[in-house]
Protein backbone atom coordinates (compact mmCIF):
# COMPACT_ATOMS: atom_id res chain seq x y z
CA UNK A 1 89.47 71.16 58.01
CA UNK A 2 86.78 72.39 60.41
CA UNK A 3 84.01 71.66 57.91
CA UNK A 4 85.24 68.14 57.27
CA UNK A 5 85.38 67.50 61.02
CA UNK A 6 81.66 68.31 61.27
CA UNK A 7 80.60 66.60 58.05
CA UNK A 8 82.28 63.25 58.71
CA UNK A 9 80.18 62.33 61.79
CA UNK A 10 77.03 63.46 59.95
CA UNK A 11 77.89 61.38 56.87
CA UNK A 12 78.69 58.37 59.07
CA UNK A 13 75.39 58.78 60.91
CA UNK A 14 73.43 58.93 57.65
CA UNK A 15 75.25 55.86 56.36
CA UNK A 16 74.39 53.89 59.51
CA UNK A 17 70.79 55.11 59.32
CA UNK A 18 70.50 53.91 55.73
CA UNK A 19 72.12 50.60 56.68
CA UNK A 20 69.65 50.02 59.52
CA UNK A 21 66.75 50.89 57.21
CA UNK A 22 67.89 48.30 54.66
CA UNK A 23 68.36 45.70 57.41
CA UNK A 24 64.86 46.42 58.72
CA UNK A 25 63.39 45.96 55.23
CA UNK A 26 64.84 42.45 55.14
CA UNK A 27 64.18 41.47 58.77
CA UNK A 28 60.59 42.71 59.13
CA UNK A 29 59.07 40.21 56.65
CA UNK A 30 61.07 37.43 58.31
CA UNK A 31 59.88 38.48 61.75
CA UNK A 32 56.28 38.63 60.53
CA UNK A 33 56.57 35.14 59.02
CA UNK A 34 57.92 33.67 62.25
CA UNK A 35 55.31 35.40 64.43
CA UNK A 36 52.42 34.41 62.16
CA UNK A 37 53.53 30.77 62.22
CA UNK A 38 52.92 30.61 66.00
CA UNK A 39 49.58 32.47 66.02
CA UNK A 40 46.03 31.21 65.88
CA UNK A 41 43.54 32.48 63.31
CA UNK A 42 41.95 34.70 65.94
CA UNK A 43 45.28 36.26 66.90
CA UNK A 44 46.04 36.96 63.25
CA UNK A 45 42.75 38.79 62.78
CA UNK A 46 42.76 40.76 66.03
CA UNK A 47 46.43 41.55 66.57
CA UNK A 48 48.98 43.51 64.57
CA UNK A 49 51.51 41.89 62.28
CA UNK A 50 54.33 42.22 64.82
CA UNK A 51 52.31 41.40 67.94
CA UNK A 52 53.52 38.42 69.96
CA UNK A 53 51.41 35.24 70.16
CA UNK A 54 49.72 34.43 73.46
CA UNK A 55 51.84 31.29 73.77
CA UNK A 56 54.26 29.26 71.71
CA UNK A 57 52.44 26.44 69.91
CA UNK A 58 53.55 24.08 67.16
CA UNK A 59 50.13 23.01 65.87
CA UNK A 60 50.57 25.10 62.74
CA UNK A 61 53.80 23.32 61.84
CA UNK A 62 52.16 19.91 62.20
CA UNK A 63 49.28 21.03 59.98
CA UNK A 64 51.68 22.47 57.41
CA UNK A 65 53.66 19.21 57.39
CA UNK A 66 50.52 17.29 56.46
CA UNK A 67 48.96 19.75 54.02
CA UNK A 68 52.02 20.18 51.81
CA UNK A 69 52.81 16.45 52.03
CA UNK A 70 56.23 17.51 53.25
CA UNK A 71 58.21 14.31 52.66
CA UNK A 72 56.95 13.90 49.10
CA UNK A 73 57.43 17.57 48.22
CA UNK A 74 60.90 17.69 49.75
CA UNK A 75 61.87 14.53 47.87
CA UNK A 76 60.81 16.10 44.58
CA UNK A 77 62.65 19.34 45.36
CA UNK A 78 65.79 17.49 46.45
CA UNK A 79 65.81 15.29 43.35
CA UNK A 80 65.48 18.25 41.00
CA UNK A 81 67.93 20.44 42.93
CA UNK A 82 70.67 17.83 43.31
CA UNK A 83 70.37 16.64 39.69
CA UNK A 84 70.35 20.19 38.30
CA UNK A 85 73.27 21.45 40.37
CA UNK A 86 75.41 18.34 39.81
CA UNK A 87 74.93 18.43 36.04
CA UNK A 88 75.42 22.21 35.88
CA UNK A 89 78.67 21.98 37.88
CA UNK A 90 80.03 19.20 35.68
CA UNK A 91 79.23 20.96 32.41
CA UNK A 92 80.31 24.40 33.59
CA UNK A 93 83.58 23.03 34.97
CA UNK A 94 84.42 21.41 31.64
CA UNK A 95 83.28 24.46 29.68
CA UNK A 96 85.13 26.90 31.92
CA UNK A 97 88.30 24.85 31.67
CA UNK A 98 88.06 24.50 27.91
CA UNK A 99 87.28 28.17 27.32
CA UNK A 100 90.05 29.38 29.63
CA UNK A 101 92.77 27.06 28.33
CA UNK A 102 91.69 27.16 24.68
CA UNK A 103 93.51 29.31 22.15
CA UNK A 104 91.85 31.23 19.37
CA UNK A 105 88.97 33.61 18.85
CA UNK A 106 86.38 30.83 18.80
CA UNK A 107 86.83 30.30 22.55
CA UNK A 108 86.34 34.02 23.21
CA UNK A 109 83.19 33.97 21.09
CA UNK A 110 81.94 30.92 22.98
CA UNK A 111 82.62 32.65 26.29
CA UNK A 112 80.74 35.73 25.05
CA UNK A 113 77.84 33.45 24.08
CA UNK A 114 77.53 32.29 27.69
CA UNK A 115 77.85 35.85 29.01
CA UNK A 116 75.00 36.98 26.76
CA UNK A 117 72.87 34.32 28.43
CA UNK A 118 73.12 36.32 31.66
CA UNK A 119 71.37 39.26 29.97
CA UNK A 120 68.24 37.35 28.98
CA UNK A 121 65.45 37.62 31.59
CA UNK A 122 64.35 34.25 32.94
CA UNK A 123 60.67 35.02 32.33
CA UNK A 124 61.22 36.13 28.73
CA UNK A 125 61.84 32.59 27.47
CA UNK A 126 58.96 30.85 29.23
CA UNK A 127 56.68 30.57 26.19
CA UNK A 128 59.31 28.96 23.91
CA UNK A 129 60.46 26.82 26.83
CA UNK A 130 56.97 25.46 27.33
CA UNK A 131 56.46 24.91 23.59
CA UNK A 132 59.71 22.96 23.30
CA UNK A 133 58.95 20.95 26.44
CA UNK A 134 55.43 20.04 25.36
CA UNK A 135 56.62 19.10 21.86
CA UNK A 136 59.18 16.62 23.20
CA UNK A 137 56.96 15.14 25.92
CA UNK A 138 58.55 16.84 28.93
CA UNK A 139 55.31 17.88 30.62
CA UNK A 140 54.97 16.13 34.00
CA UNK A 141 58.58 14.99 33.68
CA UNK A 142 61.26 15.77 36.25
CA UNK A 143 63.88 15.23 33.56
CA UNK A 144 62.44 18.11 31.57
CA UNK A 145 62.59 20.43 34.57
CA UNK A 146 66.18 19.39 35.27
CA UNK A 147 67.33 19.94 31.68
CA UNK A 148 65.72 23.36 31.37
CA UNK A 149 67.01 24.33 34.82
CA UNK A 150 70.54 23.34 33.83
CA UNK A 151 70.24 25.42 30.67
CA UNK A 152 69.20 28.41 32.77
CA UNK A 153 72.01 27.91 35.28
CA UNK A 154 74.86 27.40 32.81
CA UNK A 155 75.60 31.04 31.84
CA UNK A 156 76.39 32.10 35.40
CA UNK A 157 78.11 28.82 36.25
CA UNK A 158 80.43 29.02 33.23
CA UNK A 159 81.20 32.66 34.00
CA UNK A 160 82.03 31.77 37.61
CA UNK A 161 84.11 28.67 36.81
CA UNK A 162 86.05 30.32 33.99
CA UNK A 163 87.08 33.10 36.35
CA UNK A 164 88.28 30.60 38.92
CA UNK A 165 90.16 28.39 36.43
CA UNK A 166 92.22 31.46 35.50
CA UNK A 167 93.65 31.45 39.02
CA UNK A 168 95.17 27.98 38.57
CA UNK A 169 98.80 28.14 37.33
CA UNK A 170 99.32 26.51 33.96
CA UNK A 171 102.62 25.06 35.16
CA UNK A 172 100.74 22.50 37.27
CA UNK A 173 98.91 21.21 34.21
CA UNK A 174 102.06 21.26 32.09
CA UNK A 175 103.80 19.08 34.67
CA UNK A 176 100.90 16.61 34.51
CA UNK A 177 101.12 16.51 30.72
CA UNK A 178 104.85 15.76 30.93
CA UNK A 179 104.02 12.85 33.23
CA UNK A 180 101.72 11.44 30.57
CA UNK A 181 98.28 12.78 31.53
CA UNK A 182 95.83 13.60 28.77
CA UNK A 183 93.48 16.58 28.80
CA UNK A 184 90.56 14.87 30.56
CA UNK A 185 92.82 13.09 33.04
CA UNK A 186 94.56 16.36 33.83
CA UNK A 187 91.21 17.99 34.44
CA UNK A 188 89.92 15.14 36.63
CA UNK A 189 93.08 14.56 38.71
CA UNK A 190 94.72 18.00 38.83
CA UNK A 191 92.29 20.80 38.04
CA UNK A 192 89.08 19.45 39.58
CA UNK A 193 90.49 19.06 43.14
CA UNK A 194 91.81 22.62 42.97
CA UNK A 195 88.32 23.81 42.02
CA UNK A 196 86.73 22.42 45.20
CA UNK A 197 86.18 25.84 46.91
CA UNK A 198 84.59 27.22 43.75
CA UNK A 199 82.45 24.11 43.28
CA UNK A 200 81.15 24.26 46.85
CA UNK A 201 80.41 27.98 46.67
CA UNK A 202 78.70 27.61 43.32
CA UNK A 203 76.72 24.56 44.45
CA UNK A 204 75.24 26.47 47.39
CA UNK A 205 74.40 29.56 45.35
CA UNK A 206 72.78 27.55 42.58
CA UNK A 207 71.03 25.23 45.05
CA UNK A 208 69.30 28.24 46.58
CA UNK A 209 68.13 29.33 43.14
CA UNK A 210 66.85 25.91 42.04
CA UNK A 211 65.31 25.05 45.43
CA UNK A 212 63.32 28.30 45.52
CA UNK A 213 62.30 28.18 41.85
CA UNK A 214 58.53 28.28 41.40
CA UNK A 215 57.87 29.13 37.75
CA UNK A 216 59.56 26.21 35.99
CA UNK A 217 58.16 23.42 38.25
CA UNK A 218 54.72 25.06 38.14
CA UNK A 219 54.90 25.20 34.35
CA UNK A 220 55.92 21.57 33.78
CA UNK A 221 54.94 19.54 36.85
CA UNK A 222 51.15 19.66 36.82
CA UNK A 223 50.56 16.38 38.66
CA UNK A 224 50.26 16.80 42.42
CA UNK A 225 52.56 13.83 43.05
CA UNK A 226 55.37 15.60 41.17
CA UNK A 227 55.03 19.07 42.71
CA UNK A 228 57.99 20.62 44.46
CA UNK A 229 57.85 22.23 47.88
CA UNK A 230 57.59 25.77 46.54
CA UNK A 231 54.60 24.88 44.34
CA UNK A 232 52.88 23.04 47.20
CA UNK A 233 53.30 26.04 49.50
CA UNK A 234 52.09 28.49 46.85
CA UNK A 235 48.93 26.43 46.44
CA UNK A 236 48.19 26.88 50.13
CA UNK A 237 47.74 30.61 49.68
CA UNK A 238 44.82 29.93 47.40
CA UNK A 239 43.24 26.80 48.80
CA UNK A 240 43.93 27.66 52.43
CA UNK A 241 43.81 31.43 52.25
CA UNK A 242 42.14 31.67 55.67
CA UNK A 243 44.93 29.61 57.26
CA UNK A 244 47.84 31.89 56.51
CA UNK A 245 49.47 30.92 59.80
CA UNK A 246 49.75 27.33 58.49
CA UNK A 247 51.10 28.60 55.16
CA UNK A 248 53.75 30.70 56.91
CA UNK A 249 54.71 27.66 58.98
CA UNK A 250 55.17 25.73 55.75
CA UNK A 251 57.50 28.46 54.47
CA UNK A 252 59.68 28.10 57.55
CA UNK A 253 59.98 24.31 57.38
CA UNK A 254 60.72 24.54 53.65
CA UNK A 255 63.82 26.63 54.38
CA UNK A 256 65.33 24.12 56.83
CA UNK A 257 67.07 21.73 54.35
CA UNK A 258 68.71 24.45 52.27
CA UNK A 259 69.65 26.44 55.40
CA UNK A 260 71.42 23.40 56.88
CA UNK A 261 73.26 22.89 53.59
CA UNK A 262 74.39 26.51 53.61
CA UNK A 263 75.60 26.43 57.23
CA UNK A 264 77.56 23.22 56.70
CA UNK A 265 79.40 24.68 53.69
CA UNK A 266 79.67 28.28 54.85
CA UNK A 267 83.45 28.25 55.26
CA UNK A 268 84.03 26.79 51.79
CA UNK A 269 81.61 29.32 50.30
CA UNK A 270 83.57 32.26 51.71
CA UNK A 271 86.86 30.69 50.62
CA UNK A 272 85.65 30.09 47.11
CA UNK A 273 84.19 33.56 46.60
CA UNK A 274 87.19 35.37 48.12
CA UNK A 275 89.70 33.30 46.14
CA UNK A 276 87.92 34.01 42.88
CA UNK A 277 87.58 37.71 43.66
CA UNK A 278 91.18 38.25 44.76
CA UNK A 279 93.03 36.13 42.21
CA UNK A 280 90.69 36.37 39.22
C-alpha cells in the first residue's frame, strides 16, 4: 500500500511528461511554420527558428497567393477532392450495405478482399498505377487521378461503412420491404439517411487524405494548369528555395479550406466515430 502510494504520483508525472513531449513534437513544426510566414529573408537567416518577427506583415501571404496561382490550384484540388470523396462514399456505402446484409461465404470473402487492400502500402503500387494510367491515356487527366484515388480510398471506406451498417437494426429494413420497397429504394430512403453521421465523418477524414495527397497528382498531372495546391507548394521549395518564408505562407493558406470544412462538420464527425465505435 505504501509503495503504491509513492509510485502512483511518479507514474502520473511520467505519463504527463510523455504527453507534453508528444504535444511539443506536433506543435513545434506548426509554430515554426507560422513564425517563418511572417518573417523577412533577413530575419530567417539571422534569427532562430522560434524567434519572433520584428513586426507582423502579410507580404509573404500575398506573394504566396500569386506564386502558387492560388485560385487555379485550389480549384483543381477541390475538383479532385470532391469528386473522389463523393464517388468513394457512394461506392463504399453500397458495398458496405451489400456485404453486411448479404448471406453466404462469398460476401465474407469480398469483405476480406477489401480488408487486404488496407495492408498494401500506397507507394508499392505506383509503378503499375502509372503504367496502367499511361496505357489508357490518363496522363494529364483529372479523371485518371480521381479514379485511382477512389481505388485507393475504397478499402478503408468499405471497412468503415460496413461497421456502421451493422449498427442499423434489420427490422427497419424489413418494415420497408413489407411496405413495398425494393433493395435500392430501401437503401436510398431508409439506410442512407441513417448513415449521415458516418458519411460526414468519413467525408472529412478522406477529404484530408485526398487534399493533402502529393504523389498521385504529381505522377499524373504534369501540366502546370492542372497541378493541385500541394504540388504547386512543393515546387516552391525548389524554384524558390531562398524564399522559404513565402513557401511557408503558402502552406498556411492551403490549409484554410480543409480546416473550415473540418470545423463546420466537427460535431457530426465525433457523432459518427463514437456511434460506430460503441455500437459496432
